[in-house]
Amino acid sequence: MKQQHTRTGWLRTLVLLALLLALTGAPRYARAAEAVGTFSVEQVYVNVPEMDVFLYALDGNDEPISPMAVQAAGIEVTLGDEVITPGNILMSNEPICYIFVLDNTVDARTLSQFRLGIRQMIAEKQERDQIALYTTAGEVECVLSATSNRTAALSALANVESQEGKSNFANAATRIYQDIGDNYQSIAPRKVIVACTDVVRMMSDMTLMGGMMTNAASQLNMAVYTFVASQNADRFAFLEELSDASLYTCDLEEIPDEMLAMQQYLAKALELKTVIDPDRYGERLETLTVSVPSMGSAIKSGTNVYMGYRLTKPAVEEVQVINRTHLRLVFNQAIAGGNTARSYRLETEDIWNWHPSIRAVELSPDGRSVTLTTEPLYAGDYTVGLKRVASSLSAANISDSRESFDFEIAVWPRDRGFYFGRFLAPMLVLVLALGGLVGAMVWQKRRDQQREQQAEAENLLQTAAGVRQLPRRWLTLLVRTRRDVAETRWSAQVESSILIGSDPSLCDLCVEDSRVAPQHCMIGLEGDNLLVRALGDQVVRVNGQRIGDAHRLQNNDVIKIGRSTLRVVL
């Protein structure tokens, strides 16, 4: 009776395992070639309105069918009741997040082989691929959040040790689901769970293993691969058939090779890019169906898609003031390329509008934070932002330069050096401007003196030679327009008369004034007298009084025409 009861228990257990594994709808990784080939969906990644479908199209020799062939065959995509127009199909180059769920209740030798396989996968991963590590002894524990840093991944793996107790696979999917939701923007679009245990633990409580796989398939929408270590893997080969090639029983020595084979299989994925209606954001689940009718009606695959995420741009979500010259910025997601000072905007929000210089930038290995070395900071309100910094997972997801994060520094008051630094540049500009003005005035005065001396010398020579035929008189006018700071000296010998106006082609003395007529007035000689006359109906004032016909000029008389003045020096 006891033997019959044992056989009945085994049978019920196997039936339960078959049902649970059938519910997963998972993978996808087949080590044996199939005669008619395979076509299946691995995962659907949604960042509304973008949707990426990662799928496999393999021929009978387990070799990938080219993206062009799949595109030409006419792929059909249906989301719920809506037919989606598919975009381009290409070989996937999106990074993968390998989520290892390691049962560390296994014996030390088995754990060592699993760790060897994981180390090899870390060594072979692409630069942007990520590693996350969970252990299941007792309570599920995340010993390594998703990171692309190989050193950090290897260090976390080395610290995992074998522990006694019971493995808790039942809560693994819930914990992973929660972590992915909390860090969605920093986790690679493609995600795969790699569960590692041995046949003893699995057979002792298969409901936990099956529950984890079922929940992962329905909640997380990602592939799940379970590697089961055994001393004699052939005895449990039937489990692989029941699981539709999602569970692999391996001899201990074969575990590293099998894990590498799975990693190579993932490289064969195709990617179908398309867009969906932004109104679908917030809907919990949708059924996605992808099919290629021309390849046969049996080649069809469907999965549930979670629609609850919307793409957010990289931004600063926290500022930690370390000391007077160091700030740590924490981002809402991992960024790429933010390792130069030009990637950041730092300024005060007071009247000074001070832009502290950023002297050094140190980006954290996971890209989630950065330490800025600045010039000494002072008390006040500041704002910091990112200038066209991209997400580490999508180069097209770029920060908005208009968004900023405000923070306050309440210590380190400003000193004299701060104010000296603010006023130094304006004071230098003012001193240079005044120096230039004084220099120009001195140069102009010396130039006028030279002209006056030259004119006097010519006048003496002409007088001695007796060549004066017309009335002549030496006249000096100090001209000042509205735009001039100082008076300009004009000196010449007056023969008979001179015309004064704003047209240089018609006048002897040109005054640049919009209110002065082209020919405004005339100064002429009558015997020993020097007279000024207005031309036409133009207004001419001498010493503030408007003149009528002609007015006799004397030394220091001031003639005003328009907005300009001419002071007479005889």
Protein backbone atom coordinates (compact mmCIF):
# COMPACT_ATOMS: atom_id res chain seq x y z
CA MET A 1 0.00 0.00 0.00
CA LYS A 2 2.82 2.35 0.86
CA GLN A 3 4.48 1.77 -2.51
CA GLN A 4 1.19 2.34 -4.34
CA HIS A 5 0.62 5.58 -2.41
CA THR A 6 4.11 6.77 -3.33
CA ARG A 7 3.53 6.11 -7.04
CA THR A 8 0.18 7.93 -6.88
CA GLY A 9 1.90 10.95 -5.27
CA TRP A 10 4.56 11.00 -7.97
CA LEU A 11 1.89 10.85 -10.69
CA ARG A 12 -0.09 13.72 -9.19
CA THR A 13 3.07 15.73 -8.84
CA LEU A 14 4.03 15.21 -12.49
CA VAL A 15 0.54 16.10 -13.69
CA LEU A 16 0.58 19.28 -11.59
CA LEU A 17 4.01 20.19 -12.93
CA ALA A 18 2.85 19.69 -16.51
CA LEU A 19 -0.17 21.93 -15.99
CA LEU A 20 1.85 24.68 -14.30
CA LEU A 21 4.55 24.70 -16.94
CA ALA A 22 2.00 24.70 -19.72
CA LEU A 23 0.50 27.88 -18.26
CA THR A 24 3.74 29.82 -18.57
CA GLY A 25 3.56 30.16 -22.32
CA ALA A 26 7.30 30.77 -22.04
CA PRO A 27 10.36 30.10 -24.01
CA ARG A 28 11.50 29.69 -26.60
CA TYR A 29 15.03 28.25 -26.22
CA ALA A 30 15.20 24.84 -27.91
CA ARG A 31 18.39 22.79 -28.02
CA ALA A 32 17.07 20.33 -30.59
CA ALA A 33 16.16 21.37 -34.12
CA GLU A 34 12.53 21.09 -35.11
CA ALA A 35 11.40 19.96 -38.52
CA VAL A 36 9.08 22.85 -39.37
CA GLY A 37 10.89 25.61 -37.50
CA THR A 38 9.58 27.90 -34.76
CA PHE A 39 7.99 31.32 -34.52
CA SER A 40 7.38 32.75 -31.05
CA VAL A 41 7.18 35.98 -29.06
CA GLU A 42 9.73 36.40 -26.28
CA GLN A 43 8.60 39.70 -24.80
CA VAL A 44 6.74 42.91 -25.54
CA TYR A 45 8.26 46.17 -24.30
CA VAL A 46 5.91 49.14 -24.05
CA ASN A 47 6.83 52.76 -23.50
CA VAL A 48 3.71 54.51 -24.73
CA PRO A 49 3.40 55.28 -27.61
CA GLU A 50 6.32 53.02 -28.62
CA MET A 51 5.97 49.24 -28.60
CA ASP A 52 8.80 46.80 -29.34
CA VAL A 53 8.04 43.12 -29.91
CA PHE A 54 10.98 40.74 -29.47
CA LEU A 55 10.40 37.48 -31.30
CA TYR A 56 12.13 34.46 -32.81
CA ALA A 57 11.73 33.09 -36.30
CA LEU A 58 13.86 29.95 -36.67
CA ASP A 59 14.00 27.41 -39.45
CA GLY A 60 14.16 23.63 -39.08
CA ASN A 61 17.89 23.80 -38.35
CA ASP A 62 17.34 26.22 -35.47
CA GLU A 63 18.90 29.03 -37.51
CA PRO A 64 17.31 32.50 -37.57
CA ILE A 65 15.18 33.47 -40.54
CA SER A 66 16.35 36.85 -41.87
CA PRO A 67 14.34 39.94 -40.88
CA MET A 68 13.77 40.74 -44.55
CA ALA A 69 12.23 37.32 -45.12
CA VAL A 70 9.87 37.74 -42.17
CA GLN A 71 8.96 41.26 -43.31
CA ALA A 72 8.32 40.07 -46.85
CA ALA A 73 6.17 37.18 -45.60
CA GLY A 74 3.66 39.65 -44.23
CA ILE A 75 3.59 39.74 -40.45
CA GLU A 76 0.29 40.54 -38.74
CA VAL A 77 -0.02 42.13 -35.28
CA THR A 78 -3.23 42.37 -33.26
CA LEU A 79 -3.52 44.11 -29.89
CA GLY A 80 -6.85 43.24 -28.29
CA ASP A 81 -9.43 43.83 -31.02
CA GLU A 82 -7.27 46.34 -32.89
CA VAL A 83 -5.03 45.52 -35.84
CA ILE A 84 -1.65 47.26 -35.42
CA THR A 85 0.32 48.35 -38.47
CA PRO A 86 3.74 46.71 -38.00
CA GLY A 87 6.87 48.75 -38.48
CA ASN A 88 10.32 47.57 -39.49
CA ILE A 89 11.69 44.20 -38.47
CA LEU A 90 15.39 43.92 -37.73
CA MET A 91 17.85 41.93 -35.67
CA SER A 92 17.48 43.07 -32.09
CA ASN A 93 20.34 45.11 -30.66
CA GLU A 94 18.55 46.28 -27.53
CA PRO A 95 20.34 45.51 -24.24
CA ILE A 96 19.20 42.54 -22.17
CA CYS A 97 18.71 42.44 -18.41
CA TYR A 98 19.60 38.96 -17.12
CA ILE A 99 17.68 38.47 -13.87
CA PHE A 100 19.28 35.52 -12.08
CA VAL A 101 17.16 33.86 -9.38
CA LEU A 102 19.74 31.70 -7.60
CA ASP A 103 18.64 29.02 -5.17
CA ASN A 104 21.44 29.23 -2.61
CA THR A 105 20.05 26.37 -0.53
CA VAL A 106 21.70 23.87 -2.90
CA ASP A 107 24.94 22.20 -1.92
CA ALA A 108 28.25 24.00 -2.32
CA ARG A 109 29.33 22.06 -5.42
CA THR A 110 26.08 22.77 -7.30
CA LEU A 111 26.18 26.43 -6.28
CA SER A 112 29.76 26.64 -7.53
CA GLN A 113 28.73 25.36 -10.97
CA PHE A 114 25.86 27.84 -11.20
CA ARG A 115 28.18 30.65 -10.22
CA LEU A 116 30.65 29.53 -12.91
CA GLY A 117 27.89 29.62 -15.53
CA ILE A 118 26.75 33.08 -14.42
CA ARG A 119 30.34 34.37 -14.46
CA GLN A 120 30.74 33.17 -18.04
CA MET A 121 27.51 34.91 -19.05
CA ILE A 122 28.71 38.13 -17.40
CA ALA A 123 32.00 37.88 -19.30
CA GLU A 124 30.20 37.30 -22.63
CA LYS A 125 27.47 39.91 -22.23
CA GLN A 126 27.34 43.04 -24.37
CA GLU A 127 28.50 46.35 -22.94
CA ARG A 128 24.98 47.65 -22.25
CA ASP A 129 23.55 44.34 -21.04
CA GLN A 130 22.61 44.31 -17.38
CA ILE A 131 22.86 41.80 -14.55
CA ALA A 132 20.46 41.52 -11.59
CA LEU A 133 20.85 38.86 -8.90
CA TYR A 134 18.33 37.46 -6.41
CA THR A 135 18.74 34.70 -3.84
CA THR A 136 15.85 32.60 -2.50
CA ALA A 137 17.11 31.06 0.76
CA GLY A 138 14.45 31.94 3.33
CA GLU A 139 13.14 35.24 1.95
CA VAL A 140 13.79 36.50 -1.56
CA GLU A 141 16.68 38.98 -1.44
CA CYS A 142 18.00 41.28 -4.18
CA VAL A 143 21.77 41.16 -3.77
CA LEU A 144 22.41 43.15 -6.96
CA SER A 145 20.11 45.65 -8.67
CA ALA A 146 20.22 45.81 -12.46
CA THR A 147 23.61 47.14 -13.55
CA SER A 148 25.87 46.92 -16.58
CA ASN A 149 29.00 47.10 -14.40
CA ARG A 150 30.81 43.76 -14.76
CA THR A 151 32.98 44.34 -11.70
CA ALA A 152 29.97 45.00 -9.46
CA ALA A 153 28.18 41.94 -10.84
CA LEU A 154 31.14 39.63 -10.27
CA SER A 155 31.66 41.01 -6.76
CA ALA A 156 28.01 40.43 -5.80
CA LEU A 157 28.10 36.90 -7.23
CA ALA A 158 31.25 36.05 -5.28
CA ASN A 159 29.51 36.97 -2.03
CA VAL A 160 26.65 34.51 -2.52
CA GLU A 161 27.17 31.49 -0.29
CA SER A 162 25.26 28.27 0.27
CA GLN A 163 22.75 28.45 3.14
CA GLU A 164 20.58 25.93 4.88
CA GLY A 165 16.83 26.31 4.79
CA LYS A 166 13.96 26.28 2.34
CA SER A 167 13.97 28.07 -1.01
CA ASN A 168 11.21 30.64 -1.45
CA PHE A 169 10.53 30.70 -5.19
CA ALA A 170 6.86 31.59 -4.59
CA ASN A 171 7.64 35.24 -3.78
CA ALA A 172 10.37 35.65 -6.40
CA ALA A 173 8.06 36.78 -9.21
CA THR A 174 6.26 39.27 -6.92
CA ARG A 175 9.55 40.77 -5.74
CA ILE A 176 10.96 41.02 -9.25
CA TYR A 177 7.70 42.51 -10.51
CA GLN A 178 7.86 45.18 -7.81
CA ASP A 179 11.51 46.02 -8.47
CA ILE A 180 10.91 46.33 -12.20
CA GLY A 181 8.00 48.68 -11.58
CA ASP A 182 10.07 50.85 -9.23
CA ASN A 183 13.07 51.05 -11.59
CA TYR A 184 11.41 50.65 -14.97
CA GLN A 185 13.33 53.46 -16.67
CA SER A 186 16.71 52.03 -15.62
CA ILE A 187 16.18 48.42 -16.62
CA ALA A 188 16.94 47.21 -20.14
CA PRO A 189 13.96 46.75 -22.50
CA ARG A 190 14.63 43.02 -22.92
CA LYS A 191 14.40 41.07 -19.69
CA VAL A 192 14.89 37.37 -19.02
CA ILE A 193 14.61 35.44 -15.76
CA VAL A 194 17.19 32.69 -15.27
CA ALA A 195 16.20 30.48 -12.34
CA CYS A 196 18.84 28.11 -10.93
CA THR A 197 18.08 25.17 -8.59
CA ASP A 198 18.62 21.44 -8.34
CA VAL A 199 16.26 18.55 -8.94
CA VAL A 200 15.95 17.72 -5.23
CA ARG A 201 14.60 21.18 -4.33
CA MET A 202 12.37 21.31 -7.37
CA MET A 203 10.82 17.89 -6.80
CA SER A 204 10.33 18.59 -3.09
CA ASP A 205 8.10 21.59 -3.78
CA MET A 206 7.30 21.90 -7.49
CA THR A 207 4.26 24.07 -6.81
CA LEU A 208 6.56 26.89 -5.72
CA MET A 209 8.66 26.61 -8.87
CA GLY A 210 5.61 26.37 -11.10
CA GLY A 211 3.93 29.27 -9.34
CA MET A 212 6.98 31.46 -9.86
CA MET A 213 7.09 30.65 -13.55
CA THR A 214 3.35 31.15 -14.04
CA ASN A 215 3.36 34.51 -12.25
CA ALA A 216 6.44 35.64 -14.13
CA ALA A 217 4.82 34.84 -17.46
CA SER A 218 1.53 36.59 -16.64
CA GLN A 219 2.79 39.57 -14.62
CA LEU A 220 6.21 40.31 -16.04
CA ASN A 221 5.69 39.36 -19.68
CA MET A 222 9.18 37.96 -20.13
CA ALA A 223 10.95 34.72 -20.85
CA VAL A 224 11.75 32.39 -17.95
CA TYR A 225 14.51 29.76 -18.18
CA THR A 226 14.99 27.28 -15.35
CA PHE A 227 18.21 25.30 -15.04
CA VAL A 228 17.86 22.22 -12.85
CA ALA A 229 21.09 20.55 -11.72
CA SER A 230 21.08 16.76 -11.40
CA GLN A 231 23.55 13.94 -10.98
CA ASN A 232 21.78 12.08 -13.81
CA ALA A 233 20.00 14.53 -16.09
CA ASP A 234 18.78 11.83 -18.51
CA ARG A 235 16.40 10.47 -15.88
CA PHE A 236 14.55 13.78 -15.85
CA ALA A 237 14.60 14.57 -19.56
CA PHE A 238 10.82 14.16 -19.70
CA LEU A 239 10.50 17.40 -17.70
CA GLU A 240 11.90 19.37 -20.62
CA GLU A 241 9.16 18.07 -22.91
CA LEU A 242 6.46 18.87 -20.37
CA SER A 243 7.79 22.41 -19.98
CA ASP A 244 7.90 23.12 -23.73
CA ALA A 245 11.67 23.70 -23.58
CA SER A 246 11.54 26.20 -20.73
CA LEU A 247 13.16 23.92 -18.15
CA TYR A 248 16.52 22.25 -18.61
CA THR A 249 17.90 19.40 -16.57
CA CYS A 250 21.70 19.48 -16.69
CA ASP A 251 24.52 17.44 -15.28
CA LEU A 252 26.67 19.57 -13.03
CA GLU A 253 29.51 19.73 -15.53
CA GLU A 254 27.15 20.85 -18.32
CA ILE A 255 25.58 23.82 -16.51
CA PRO A 256 28.06 26.51 -17.72
CA ASP A 257 27.84 25.32 -21.34
CA GLU A 258 24.04 25.17 -21.24
CA MET A 259 23.80 28.69 -19.85
CA LEU A 260 26.11 30.02 -22.57
CA ALA A 261 24.02 28.23 -25.20
CA MET A 262 20.93 29.99 -23.87
CA GLN A 263 22.75 33.34 -24.02
CA GLN A 264 23.72 32.70 -27.65
CA TYR A 265 20.13 31.81 -28.44
CA LEU A 266 18.95 35.18 -27.12
CA ALA A 267 21.18 36.88 -29.70
CA LYS A 268 18.95 35.45 -32.45
CA ALA A 269 15.95 37.54 -31.46
CA LEU A 270 14.26 39.82 -33.99
CA GLU A 271 12.71 43.14 -33.07
CA LEU A 272 9.50 44.54 -34.49
CA LYS A 273 9.11 48.26 -33.83
CA THR A 274 5.69 49.86 -33.99
CA VAL A 275 3.57 52.51 -32.30
CA ILE A 276 0.27 52.34 -30.44
CA ASP A 277 -2.38 54.88 -29.52
CA PRO A 278 -1.24 56.95 -26.50
CA ASP A 279 -4.79 56.55 -25.12
CA ARG A 280 -3.92 52.96 -24.27
CA TYR A 281 -1.70 54.18 -21.45
CA GLY A 282 -3.02 52.95 -18.12
CA GLU A 283 -4.81 49.86 -19.37
CA ARG A 284 -3.63 46.90 -17.37
CA LEU A 285 -3.48 43.97 -19.77
CA GLU A 286 -3.93 43.47 -23.49
CA THR A 287 -3.61 40.31 -25.55
CA LEU A 288 -1.04 40.65 -28.33
CA THR A 289 -1.10 38.21 -31.23
CA VAL A 290 1.66 38.02 -33.83
CA SER A 291 1.32 35.74 -36.84
CA VAL A 292 2.76 35.11 -40.30
CA PRO A 293 -0.02 33.42 -42.32
CA SER A 294 2.14 32.82 -45.37
CA MET A 295 4.48 30.68 -43.26
CA GLY A 296 1.66 28.46 -42.14
CA SER A 297 -1.35 28.88 -39.91
CA ALA A 298 0.40 27.03 -37.08
CA ILE A 299 3.13 29.66 -36.88
CA LYS A 300 1.41 32.01 -34.50
CA SER A 301 2.12 33.35 -31.04
CA GLY A 302 0.24 35.40 -28.44
CA THR A 303 1.04 36.99 -25.10
CA ASN A 304 -0.35 39.41 -22.52
CA VAL A 305 1.03 42.96 -22.59
CA TYR A 306 1.11 45.31 -19.62
CA MET A 307 0.31 48.87 -20.77
CA GLY A 308 0.86 50.81 -17.55
CA TYR A 309 4.10 52.71 -18.28
CA ARG A 310 4.86 55.96 -20.07
CA LEU A 311 8.33 57.05 -21.13
CA THR A 312 9.83 59.74 -18.89
CA LYS A 313 12.81 61.90 -19.78
CA PRO A 314 16.06 61.82 -17.79
CA ALA A 315 15.97 64.42 -15.00
CA VAL A 316 17.50 65.27 -11.62
CA GLU A 317 15.30 64.05 -8.75
CA GLU A 318 17.57 64.81 -5.77
CA VAL A 319 20.58 67.00 -4.94
CA GLN A 320 22.86 66.05 -2.03
CA VAL A 321 25.22 68.80 -0.80
CA ILE A 322 28.39 66.96 0.23
CA ASN A 323 30.51 69.99 1.07
CA ARG A 324 31.25 73.48 -0.20
CA THR A 325 32.68 72.28 -3.52
CA HIS A 326 30.89 68.96 -4.12
CA LEU A 327 27.32 68.14 -5.13
CA ARG A 328 25.82 64.71 -5.81
CA LEU A 329 22.96 64.62 -8.33
CA VAL A 330 20.63 61.62 -8.29
CA PHE A 331 18.70 60.92 -11.50
CA ASN A 332 15.33 59.30 -12.09
CA GLN A 333 17.03 56.74 -14.35
CA ALA A 334 20.45 55.70 -15.59
CA ILE A 335 21.98 58.18 -18.03
CA ALA A 336 24.70 57.93 -20.67
CA GLY A 337 27.23 60.52 -21.78
CA GLY A 338 26.81 62.76 -18.73
CA ASN A 339 30.51 62.75 -17.85
CA THR A 340 31.37 66.29 -19.00
CA ALA A 341 30.66 69.69 -17.41
CA ARG A 342 28.76 70.75 -20.55
CA SER A 343 26.03 68.25 -19.68
CA TYR A 344 24.89 70.25 -16.64
CA ARG A 345 23.44 73.70 -15.95
CA LEU A 346 24.06 75.14 -12.47
CA GLU A 347 23.07 78.68 -11.47
CA THR A 348 21.68 80.76 -8.61
CA GLU A 349 18.14 82.10 -8.53
CA ASP A 350 19.00 85.46 -6.91
CA ILE A 351 19.73 88.81 -8.52
CA TRP A 352 23.33 87.80 -9.19
CA ASN A 353 22.37 85.02 -11.63
CA TRP A 354 25.70 83.43 -10.75
CA HIS A 355 26.81 80.37 -12.76
CA PRO A 356 29.28 78.45 -10.57
CA SER A 357 31.86 76.76 -12.75
CA ILE A 358 31.91 72.93 -12.78
CA ARG A 359 35.50 71.79 -12.55
CA ALA A 360 35.13 67.99 -12.55
CA VAL A 361 32.43 65.37 -13.16
CA GLU A 362 32.40 61.80 -11.80
CA LEU A 363 29.56 59.62 -13.08
CA SER A 364 28.66 56.57 -10.97
CA PRO A 365 29.17 53.12 -12.57
CA ASP A 366 25.40 52.51 -12.79
CA GLY A 367 24.73 55.94 -14.30
CA ARG A 368 22.13 56.77 -11.61
CA SER A 369 24.10 59.59 -9.96
CA VAL A 370 26.98 61.98 -10.57
CA THR A 371 29.32 63.96 -8.32
CA LEU A 372 30.10 67.51 -9.45
CA THR A 373 33.20 69.38 -8.26
CA THR A 374 32.43 73.12 -8.38
CA GLU A 375 33.98 76.37 -7.30
CA PRO A 376 33.12 77.25 -3.64
CA LEU A 377 29.35 77.59 -3.15
CA TYR A 378 27.56 80.03 -0.84
CA ALA A 379 24.22 80.28 0.92
CA GLY A 380 21.28 80.81 -1.40
CA ASP A 381 18.80 79.23 -3.79
CA TYR A 382 20.16 77.25 -6.73
CA THR A 383 18.78 75.42 -9.73
CA VAL A 384 20.40 72.54 -11.62
CA GLY A 385 19.38 70.78 -14.82
CA LEU A 386 20.55 68.47 -17.59
CA LYS A 387 21.45 69.71 -21.06
CA ARG A 388 20.53 67.10 -23.70
CA VAL A 389 21.56 64.06 -21.67
CA ALA A 390 20.28 60.72 -22.98
CA SER A 391 18.98 57.69 -21.16
CA SER A 392 21.45 54.80 -21.01
CA LEU A 393 18.81 52.48 -22.47
CA SER A 394 17.54 54.63 -25.33
CA ALA A 395 19.60 57.25 -27.13
CA ALA A 396 16.36 58.81 -28.40
CA ASN A 397 15.16 59.53 -24.85
CA ILE A 398 16.82 62.91 -24.19
CA SER A 399 16.39 65.21 -21.21
CA ASP A 400 14.42 68.45 -21.49
CA SER A 401 16.80 71.40 -21.04
CA ARG A 402 13.93 73.52 -19.69
CA GLU A 403 13.35 71.26 -16.69
CA SER A 404 15.40 71.94 -13.58
CA PHE A 405 15.63 70.94 -9.93
CA ASP A 406 15.67 73.62 -7.21
CA PHE A 407 17.66 73.28 -4.01
CA GLU A 408 18.92 75.52 -1.23
CA ILE A 409 22.21 75.95 0.60
CA ALA A 410 21.77 77.43 4.08
CA VAL A 411 25.42 77.53 5.18
CA TRP A 412 28.68 79.07 3.98
CA PRO A 413 27.72 82.79 3.73
CA ARG A 414 29.19 84.96 1.02
CA ASP A 415 32.48 86.70 1.85
CA ARG A 416 34.26 89.73 0.43
CA GLY A 417 35.80 87.58 -2.23
CA PHE A 418 32.35 86.74 -3.59
CA TYR A 419 31.37 90.37 -4.09
CA PHE A 420 34.82 91.29 -5.40
CA GLY A 421 34.46 88.51 -7.96
CA ARG A 422 31.00 89.76 -9.01
CA PHE A 423 32.09 93.42 -9.41
CA LEU A 424 35.58 92.85 -10.77
CA ALA A 425 34.55 92.43 -14.38
CA PRO A 426 32.16 95.46 -14.52
CA MET A 427 34.74 97.68 -12.82
CA LEU A 428 37.44 96.66 -15.29
CA VAL A 429 35.12 97.46 -18.20
CA LEU A 430 34.25 100.87 -16.71
CA VAL A 431 37.91 101.77 -16.08
CA LEU A 432 38.86 100.75 -19.61
CA ALA A 433 35.99 102.79 -21.07
CA LEU A 434 36.91 105.93 -19.09
CA GLY A 435 40.58 105.51 -19.96
CA GLY A 436 39.71 105.22 -23.63
CA LEU A 437 37.53 108.34 -23.48
CA VAL A 438 40.22 110.43 -21.80
CA GLY A 439 42.81 109.20 -24.26
CA ALA A 440 40.58 110.15 -27.20
CA MET A 441 40.05 113.65 -25.82
CA VAL A 442 43.78 114.23 -25.30
CA TRP A 443 44.56 112.96 -28.80
CA GLN A 444 41.90 115.19 -30.35
CA LYS A 445 43.16 118.25 -28.46
CA ARG A 446 46.73 117.71 -29.59
CA ARG A 447 45.56 117.22 -33.16
CA ASP A 448 43.56 120.49 -33.11
CA GLN A 449 46.54 122.38 -31.71
CA GLN A 450 48.76 121.06 -34.48
CA ARG A 451 46.23 122.15 -37.13
CA GLU A 452 45.91 125.60 -35.57
CA GLN A 453 49.66 126.09 -35.47
CA GLN A 454 49.97 124.97 -39.08
CA ALA A 455 47.22 127.37 -40.21
CA GLU A 456 48.80 130.30 -38.34
CA ALA A 457 52.13 129.59 -39.98
CA GLU A 458 50.53 129.55 -43.42
CA ASN A 459 48.72 132.81 -42.65
CA LEU A 460 51.98 134.54 -41.67
CA LEU A 461 53.70 133.34 -44.84
CA GLN A 462 50.87 134.57 -47.05
CA THR A 463 50.75 137.94 -45.27
CA ALA A 464 54.49 138.43 -45.68
CA ALA A 465 54.25 137.65 -49.39
CA GLY A 466 51.41 140.12 -49.87
CA VAL A 467 49.11 137.66 -51.63
CA ARG A 468 45.89 138.49 -49.71
CA GLN A 469 43.43 139.86 -52.23
CA LEU A 470 40.15 139.07 -50.47
CA PRO A 471 39.25 140.00 -46.90
CA ARG A 472 40.67 137.32 -44.64
CA ARG A 473 40.48 136.62 -40.98
CA TRP A 474 41.57 133.77 -38.77
CA LEU A 475 38.51 132.12 -37.20
CA THR A 476 38.25 129.36 -34.62
CA LEU A 477 34.94 127.71 -33.78
CA LEU A 478 34.46 125.21 -30.95
CA VAL A 479 31.69 122.89 -32.24
CA ARG A 480 29.59 120.73 -29.95
CA THR A 481 26.73 118.48 -31.04
CA ARG A 482 24.22 116.72 -28.83
CA ARG A 483 26.04 113.38 -29.14
CA ASP A 484 29.49 114.79 -28.32
CA VAL A 485 30.83 114.80 -24.79
CA ALA A 486 33.41 117.53 -25.50
CA GLU A 487 33.78 120.42 -27.96
CA THR A 488 35.53 119.90 -31.29
CA ARG A 489 37.89 122.63 -32.46
CA TRP A 490 37.51 123.93 -36.01
CA SER A 491 40.07 126.49 -37.19
CA ALA A 492 40.52 128.09 -40.61
CA GLN A 493 41.15 131.33 -42.42
CA VAL A 494 37.93 132.92 -43.55
CA GLU A 495 38.07 134.46 -47.01
CA SER A 496 35.00 136.54 -47.55
CA SER A 497 32.57 133.96 -46.02
CA ILE A 498 31.94 130.34 -44.98
CA LEU A 499 28.75 128.28 -45.26
CA ILE A 500 27.61 126.16 -42.30
CA GLY A 501 25.09 123.29 -42.62
CA SER A 502 24.57 119.51 -42.51
CA ASP A 503 25.48 118.73 -46.15
CA PRO A 504 29.28 118.26 -46.49
CA SER A 505 29.10 118.71 -50.27
CA LEU A 506 27.51 122.19 -50.01
CA CYS A 507 29.08 123.63 -46.87
CA ASP A 508 32.50 124.65 -45.64
CA LEU A 509 31.70 123.46 -42.10
CA CYS A 510 29.50 120.37 -41.77
CA VAL A 511 27.52 119.87 -38.53
CA GLU A 512 26.07 116.37 -38.04
CA ASP A 513 22.68 117.33 -36.65
CA SER A 514 19.29 116.17 -37.98
CA ARG A 515 17.77 119.59 -37.13
CA VAL A 516 20.37 121.56 -39.08
CA ALA A 517 19.48 122.37 -42.70
CA PRO A 518 21.85 121.43 -45.53
CA GLN A 519 22.78 125.18 -45.72
CA HIS A 520 21.73 126.71 -42.43
CA CYS A 521 23.77 129.94 -41.96
CA MET A 522 26.75 131.93 -43.22
CA ILE A 523 29.59 133.72 -41.45
CA GLY A 524 31.14 136.53 -43.54
CA LEU A 525 33.67 139.39 -43.34
CA GLU A 526 32.75 143.02 -43.80
CA GLY A 527 35.86 145.05 -43.19
CA ASP A 528 37.08 144.16 -39.73
CA ASN A 529 33.69 142.88 -38.65
CA LEU A 530 32.64 139.24 -38.55
CA LEU A 531 28.93 138.78 -39.24
CA VAL A 532 26.59 135.76 -39.05
CA ARG A 533 23.43 135.51 -41.18
CA ALA A 534 20.61 132.93 -41.25
CA LEU A 535 19.87 131.49 -44.68
CA GLY A 536 16.24 131.50 -45.68
CA ASP A 537 13.91 131.05 -42.73
CA GLN A 538 16.32 128.98 -40.65
CA VAL A 539 16.57 129.71 -36.94
CA VAL A 540 19.91 130.99 -35.65
CA ARG A 541 20.45 132.07 -32.05
CA VAL A 542 23.41 134.02 -30.71
CA ASN A 543 23.89 133.92 -26.96
CA GLY A 544 20.31 132.59 -26.65
CA GLN A 545 18.69 135.37 -28.75
CA ARG A 546 17.29 134.69 -32.20
CA ILE A 547 18.87 136.97 -34.81
CA GLY A 548 17.10 138.65 -37.64
CA ASP A 549 19.25 139.69 -40.63
CA ALA A 550 22.91 139.89 -39.68
CA HIS A 551 24.61 139.92 -36.32
CA ARG A 552 28.10 141.07 -35.48
CA LEU A 553 30.10 138.41 -33.69
CA GLN A 554 32.49 138.95 -30.85
CA ASN A 555 34.90 136.73 -28.99
CA ASN A 556 33.18 133.88 -27.01
CA ASP A 557 29.78 134.44 -28.66
CA VAL A 558 27.79 131.17 -28.81
CA ILE A 559 25.91 130.41 -32.01
CA LYS A 560 23.15 127.77 -31.72
CA ILE A 561 21.78 126.01 -34.79
CA GLY A 562 19.47 123.01 -34.34
CA ARG A 563 20.72 121.16 -31.26
CA SER A 564 24.38 122.12 -31.84
CA THR A 565 26.47 125.06 -30.64
CA LEU A 566 29.45 126.91 -32.15
CA ARG A 567 31.55 129.06 -29.80
CA VAL A 568 33.50 131.87 -31.53
CA VAL A 569 37.17 132.34 -30.65
CA LEU A 570 38.78 135.42 -32.24
